[in-house]
N, C-alpha and C. Protein backbone atom coordinates (compact mmCIF):
# COMPACT_ATOMS: atom_id res chain seq x y z
N MET A 1 85.67 68.97 92.42
CA MET A 1 85.73 68.21 93.60
C MET A 1 86.79 67.11 93.52
N ALA A 2 86.95 66.63 92.34
CA ALA A 2 87.99 65.62 92.14
C ALA A 2 89.38 66.22 92.28
N GLU A 3 89.49 67.50 91.90
CA GLU A 3 90.73 68.21 92.07
C GLU A 3 91.13 68.43 93.49
N ASN A 4 90.13 68.69 94.45
CA ASN A 4 90.37 68.81 95.82
C ASN A 4 90.91 67.46 96.43
N GLN A 5 90.38 66.38 95.97
CA GLN A 5 90.84 65.11 96.49
C GLN A 5 92.25 64.84 96.03
N ILE A 6 92.55 65.17 94.82
CA ILE A 6 93.87 64.90 94.28
C ILE A 6 94.88 65.77 94.95
N SER A 7 94.53 67.10 95.19
CA SER A 7 95.48 67.96 95.89
C SER A 7 95.77 67.49 97.31
N SER A 8 94.72 66.97 97.96
CA SER A 8 95.05 66.50 99.35
C SER A 8 95.82 65.21 99.34
N ILE A 9 95.68 64.40 98.25
CA ILE A 9 96.46 63.16 98.15
C ILE A 9 97.89 63.48 97.79
N GLU A 10 98.08 64.49 96.96
CA GLU A 10 99.41 64.81 96.51
C GLU A 10 100.22 65.56 97.50
N ARG A 11 99.61 66.09 98.59
CA ARG A 11 100.35 66.81 99.61
C ARG A 11 101.36 65.84 100.22
N PRO A 12 102.59 66.32 100.33
CA PRO A 12 103.59 65.43 100.94
C PRO A 12 103.34 65.21 102.41
N PRO A 13 103.63 64.11 102.98
CA PRO A 13 103.41 63.85 104.42
C PRO A 13 104.30 64.75 105.21
N PRO A 14 103.90 65.06 106.47
CA PRO A 14 104.69 66.04 107.27
C PRO A 14 106.09 65.42 107.50
N THR A 15 106.98 66.25 107.52
CA THR A 15 108.37 65.86 107.79
C THR A 15 108.70 65.79 109.26
N ASP A 16 109.91 65.34 109.60
CA ASP A 16 110.31 65.24 110.99
C ASP A 16 110.48 66.61 111.59
N SER A 17 110.59 67.65 110.77
CA SER A 17 110.74 69.03 111.37
C SER A 17 109.50 69.52 112.05
N ASP A 18 108.34 68.90 111.78
CA ASP A 18 107.05 69.27 112.46
C ASP A 18 106.90 68.71 113.81
N TRP A 19 107.65 67.66 114.16
CA TRP A 19 107.55 67.04 115.50
C TRP A 19 107.93 67.99 116.59
N PRO A 20 109.01 68.75 116.56
CA PRO A 20 109.27 69.64 117.65
C PRO A 20 108.16 70.65 117.82
N THR A 21 107.59 71.17 116.73
CA THR A 21 106.46 72.06 116.86
C THR A 21 105.26 71.49 117.52
N LEU A 22 104.96 70.23 117.18
CA LEU A 22 103.81 69.56 117.77
C LEU A 22 104.10 69.30 119.28
N ILE A 23 105.32 68.91 119.60
CA ILE A 23 105.63 68.66 120.98
C ILE A 23 105.55 69.94 121.76
N GLU A 24 106.01 71.01 121.19
CA GLU A 24 106.01 72.32 121.87
C GLU A 24 104.58 72.74 122.10
N ARG A 25 103.74 72.61 121.15
CA ARG A 25 102.34 72.91 121.28
C ARG A 25 101.62 72.06 122.36
N ALA A 26 101.96 70.80 122.38
CA ALA A 26 101.34 69.86 123.38
C ALA A 26 101.79 70.22 124.84
N VAL A 27 103.09 70.59 124.89
CA VAL A 27 103.58 70.97 126.26
C VAL A 27 102.94 72.32 126.65
N ASP A 28 102.84 73.21 125.72
CA ASP A 28 102.22 74.55 125.99
C ASP A 28 100.79 74.34 126.43
N ASP A 29 100.02 73.48 125.71
CA ASP A 29 98.63 73.23 126.08
C ASP A 29 98.48 72.58 127.49
N VAL A 30 99.38 71.66 127.73
CA VAL A 30 99.35 71.03 129.08
C VAL A 30 99.68 72.06 130.15
N ALA A 31 100.60 72.92 129.91
CA ALA A 31 101.03 73.91 130.89
C ALA A 31 99.85 74.91 131.05
N ARG A 32 99.14 75.34 130.05
CA ARG A 32 98.05 76.26 130.20
C ARG A 32 96.94 75.58 130.96
N ILE A 33 96.68 74.29 130.66
CA ILE A 33 95.60 73.53 131.42
C ILE A 33 95.98 73.48 132.91
N LEU A 34 97.21 73.14 133.17
CA LEU A 34 97.64 73.04 134.59
C LEU A 34 97.55 74.43 135.32
N ARG A 35 97.93 75.52 134.63
CA ARG A 35 97.82 76.84 135.17
C ARG A 35 96.37 77.20 135.48
N SER A 36 95.45 76.90 134.58
CA SER A 36 94.06 77.25 134.76
C SER A 36 93.45 76.36 135.89
N GLU A 37 93.85 75.13 135.99
CA GLU A 37 93.38 74.30 137.05
C GLU A 37 93.94 74.76 138.43
N ALA A 38 95.16 75.22 138.40
CA ALA A 38 95.72 75.72 139.68
C ALA A 38 94.99 77.03 140.08
N GLN A 39 94.67 77.89 139.13
CA GLN A 39 93.92 79.07 139.46
C GLN A 39 92.56 78.73 139.96
N LEU A 40 91.87 77.79 139.40
CA LEU A 40 90.55 77.32 139.88
C LEU A 40 90.65 76.78 141.28
N LEU A 41 91.70 75.94 141.51
CA LEU A 41 91.80 75.40 142.85
C LEU A 41 92.13 76.52 143.88
N GLN A 42 93.01 77.42 143.52
CA GLN A 42 93.31 78.53 144.42
C GLN A 42 92.06 79.40 144.71
N THR A 43 91.28 79.62 143.72
CA THR A 43 90.05 80.41 143.90
C THR A 43 89.09 79.69 144.83
N SER A 44 88.84 78.42 144.58
CA SER A 44 87.91 77.63 145.40
C SER A 44 88.42 77.48 146.82
N MET A 45 89.71 77.21 146.96
CA MET A 45 90.26 77.00 148.30
C MET A 45 90.19 78.37 149.07
N GLY A 46 90.47 79.42 148.41
CA GLY A 46 90.46 80.75 149.04
C GLY A 46 89.05 81.06 149.51
N ALA A 47 88.01 80.74 148.72
CA ALA A 47 86.63 80.99 149.16
C ALA A 47 86.24 80.10 150.29
N ALA A 48 86.63 78.82 150.21
CA ALA A 48 86.31 77.92 151.32
C ALA A 48 87.02 78.33 152.61
N LEU A 49 88.21 78.78 152.54
CA LEU A 49 88.96 79.22 153.70
C LEU A 49 88.39 80.48 154.31
N GLN A 50 87.93 81.32 153.45
CA GLN A 50 87.30 82.59 153.92
C GLN A 50 86.01 82.24 154.62
N ARG A 51 85.15 81.33 154.05
CA ARG A 51 83.95 80.94 154.73
C ARG A 51 84.28 80.27 156.09
N GLN A 52 85.27 79.44 156.15
CA GLN A 52 85.65 78.77 157.38
C GLN A 52 86.06 79.73 158.44
N ILE A 53 86.87 80.72 158.05
CA ILE A 53 87.34 81.74 158.96
C ILE A 53 86.17 82.59 159.50
N SER A 54 85.26 82.94 158.64
CA SER A 54 84.13 83.73 159.03
C SER A 54 83.22 82.86 160.07
N SER A 55 83.05 81.63 159.72
CA SER A 55 82.29 80.76 160.59
C SER A 55 82.88 80.63 161.98
N THR A 56 84.21 80.47 162.01
CA THR A 56 85.00 80.28 163.18
C THR A 56 84.90 81.56 164.07
N VAL A 57 85.07 82.75 163.44
CA VAL A 57 84.94 83.97 164.19
C VAL A 57 83.50 84.14 164.76
N ALA A 58 82.50 83.79 164.03
CA ALA A 58 81.17 83.87 164.47
C ALA A 58 80.95 82.93 165.68
N HIS A 59 81.48 81.72 165.64
CA HIS A 59 81.35 80.75 166.73
C HIS A 59 82.15 81.28 167.95
N LEU A 60 83.28 81.83 167.73
CA LEU A 60 84.04 82.41 168.92
C LEU A 60 83.30 83.51 169.55
N ILE A 61 82.64 84.34 168.78
CA ILE A 61 81.86 85.43 169.36
C ILE A 61 80.70 84.91 170.17
N VAL A 62 79.98 83.95 169.65
CA VAL A 62 78.90 83.30 170.39
C VAL A 62 79.39 82.64 171.68
N VAL A 63 80.53 81.97 171.61
CA VAL A 63 81.10 81.35 172.82
C VAL A 63 81.45 82.40 173.86
N ALA A 64 82.07 83.50 173.42
CA ALA A 64 82.41 84.58 174.33
C ALA A 64 81.17 85.23 175.04
N ILE A 65 80.12 85.37 174.22
CA ILE A 65 78.89 85.90 174.86
C ILE A 65 78.30 84.91 175.86
N MET A 66 78.35 83.62 175.48
CA MET A 66 77.81 82.65 176.44
C MET A 66 78.64 82.58 177.75
N ILE A 67 79.94 82.71 177.59
CA ILE A 67 80.78 82.71 178.82
C ILE A 67 80.46 83.94 179.66
N ALA A 68 80.32 85.09 179.03
CA ALA A 68 79.96 86.28 179.83
C ALA A 68 78.64 86.11 180.51
N GLY A 69 77.64 85.55 179.85
CA GLY A 69 76.37 85.27 180.50
C GLY A 69 76.46 84.35 181.62
N ALA A 70 77.27 83.25 181.45
CA ALA A 70 77.39 82.27 182.52
C ALA A 70 78.07 82.93 183.74
N LEU A 71 79.08 83.76 183.48
CA LEU A 71 79.74 84.46 184.59
C LEU A 71 78.78 85.39 185.33
N CYS A 72 77.93 86.05 184.62
CA CYS A 72 76.93 86.92 185.22
C CYS A 72 75.94 86.10 186.10
N ILE A 73 75.60 84.95 185.64
CA ILE A 73 74.67 84.12 186.40
C ILE A 73 75.38 83.57 187.67
N ILE A 74 76.61 83.20 187.52
CA ILE A 74 77.41 82.73 188.68
C ILE A 74 77.55 83.86 189.69
N PHE A 75 77.91 85.04 189.25
CA PHE A 75 78.04 86.17 190.24
C PHE A 75 76.71 86.52 190.86
N ALA A 76 75.60 86.39 190.11
CA ALA A 76 74.27 86.68 190.66
C ALA A 76 73.95 85.63 191.73
N ALA A 77 74.30 84.38 191.48
CA ALA A 77 74.09 83.34 192.48
C ALA A 77 74.90 83.61 193.68
N ILE A 78 76.09 84.04 193.57
CA ILE A 78 76.92 84.32 194.71
C ILE A 78 76.36 85.45 195.52
N LEU A 79 75.96 86.56 194.88
CA LEU A 79 75.33 87.70 195.58
C LEU A 79 74.01 87.29 196.21
N LEU A 80 73.24 86.45 195.58
CA LEU A 80 72.05 85.98 196.19
C LEU A 80 72.34 85.17 197.48
N LEU A 81 73.27 84.28 197.45
CA LEU A 81 73.65 83.58 198.68
C LEU A 81 74.28 84.47 199.71
N HIS A 82 74.91 85.51 199.28
CA HIS A 82 75.54 86.49 200.19
C HIS A 82 74.58 87.22 201.09
N GLN A 83 73.32 87.24 200.68
CA GLN A 83 72.30 87.84 201.50
C GLN A 83 72.11 87.11 202.85
N TRP A 84 72.32 85.77 202.81
CA TRP A 84 72.17 84.99 204.01
C TRP A 84 73.46 84.45 204.61
N LEU A 85 74.50 84.40 203.79
CA LEU A 85 75.80 83.81 204.19
C LEU A 85 76.88 84.83 203.95
N PRO A 86 78.04 84.66 204.67
CA PRO A 86 79.17 85.48 204.34
C PRO A 86 79.63 85.24 202.89
N LEU A 87 80.43 86.21 202.41
CA LEU A 87 80.85 86.13 200.98
C LEU A 87 81.70 84.89 200.70
N TRP A 88 82.58 84.52 201.60
CA TRP A 88 83.45 83.40 201.33
C TRP A 88 82.61 82.07 201.27
N GLN A 89 81.63 81.99 202.05
CA GLN A 89 80.76 80.79 201.98
C GLN A 89 79.91 80.76 200.67
N SER A 90 79.51 81.89 200.30
CA SER A 90 78.74 81.98 198.98
C SER A 90 79.62 81.52 197.82
N PHE A 91 80.89 82.01 197.80
CA PHE A 91 81.82 81.57 196.72
C PHE A 91 82.09 80.11 196.87
N GLY A 92 82.29 79.57 198.05
CA GLY A 92 82.51 78.18 198.25
C GLY A 92 81.36 77.27 197.74
N ILE A 93 80.13 77.67 198.09
CA ILE A 93 78.98 76.82 197.72
C ILE A 93 78.85 76.83 196.19
N VAL A 94 78.97 77.98 195.57
CA VAL A 94 78.86 78.08 194.11
C VAL A 94 79.99 77.29 193.46
N GLY A 95 81.23 77.44 194.01
CA GLY A 95 82.45 76.68 193.43
C GLY A 95 82.21 75.23 193.52
N LEU A 96 81.73 74.71 194.67
CA LEU A 96 81.46 73.20 194.85
C LEU A 96 80.38 72.80 193.89
N PHE A 97 79.30 73.60 193.73
CA PHE A 97 78.26 73.28 192.79
C PHE A 97 78.78 73.14 191.35
N MET A 98 79.67 74.11 190.92
CA MET A 98 80.23 74.04 189.59
C MET A 98 81.16 72.85 189.44
N LEU A 99 81.93 72.47 190.45
CA LEU A 99 82.78 71.34 190.41
C LEU A 99 81.94 70.07 190.28
N LEU A 100 80.82 70.02 190.97
CA LEU A 100 79.95 68.85 190.81
C LEU A 100 79.35 68.73 189.43
N ILE A 101 79.00 69.88 188.84
CA ILE A 101 78.49 69.88 187.45
C ILE A 101 79.53 69.43 186.50
N GLY A 102 80.77 69.91 186.71
CA GLY A 102 81.91 69.52 185.83
C GLY A 102 82.17 68.07 185.95
N ALA A 103 82.11 67.43 187.16
CA ALA A 103 82.39 66.02 187.30
C ALA A 103 81.32 65.20 186.64
N VAL A 104 80.06 65.59 186.76
CA VAL A 104 78.97 64.87 186.12
C VAL A 104 79.13 64.97 184.61
N CYS A 105 79.47 66.12 184.02
CA CYS A 105 79.66 66.30 182.62
C CYS A 105 80.84 65.40 182.16
N HIS A 106 81.92 65.38 182.94
CA HIS A 106 83.05 64.55 182.53
C HIS A 106 82.76 63.09 182.53
N ALA A 107 82.03 62.67 183.51
CA ALA A 107 81.68 61.22 183.61
C ALA A 107 80.71 60.88 182.45
N THR A 108 79.85 61.79 182.11
CA THR A 108 78.94 61.54 180.98
C THR A 108 79.63 61.42 179.65
N LEU A 109 80.62 62.31 179.50
CA LEU A 109 81.43 62.31 178.23
C LEU A 109 82.32 61.11 178.17
N ARG A 110 82.85 60.64 179.25
CA ARG A 110 83.64 59.42 179.25
C ARG A 110 82.77 58.20 178.90
N ARG A 111 81.57 58.20 179.40
CA ARG A 111 80.66 57.05 179.12
C ARG A 111 80.08 57.09 177.68
N TYR A 112 79.70 58.33 177.26
CA TYR A 112 79.14 58.46 175.90
C TYR A 112 79.98 59.48 175.21
N PRO A 113 81.09 59.12 174.51
CA PRO A 113 81.97 60.08 173.87
C PRO A 113 81.30 60.66 172.66
N LEU A 114 81.61 61.97 172.37
CA LEU A 114 81.02 62.62 171.23
C LEU A 114 81.62 62.13 169.93
N VAL A 115 82.93 61.85 169.96
CA VAL A 115 83.58 61.36 168.68
C VAL A 115 83.88 59.90 168.94
N GLN A 116 83.45 59.11 167.95
CA GLN A 116 83.67 57.64 167.98
C GLN A 116 85.07 57.33 167.42
N SER A 117 85.85 56.53 168.06
CA SER A 117 87.17 56.17 167.58
C SER A 117 87.08 55.09 166.56
């Protein structure tokens, strides 16, 4: 055991020629760490983007279905009114009713905004 201590003490200190090797290893380690972090970021961002795209497509489909349903209800109201009134008057009444609803919604949103500034 004493021989092990002596051999480690007698070892000459590292020379200046080891510094370039140490610096090269440090730079290589940092480059590998940065590459792996970039890959992790790319993977997580890709997954998040894919989820967001899927969610957006699903919401667009739901909105399209709701618009189609609203159009069907509007046309049904026009045809119902057409039983008693001419077609142009039916369209006019439904159009005025929709403008009234739009104005009320616009006034409500101006008074109570959804997004606070």
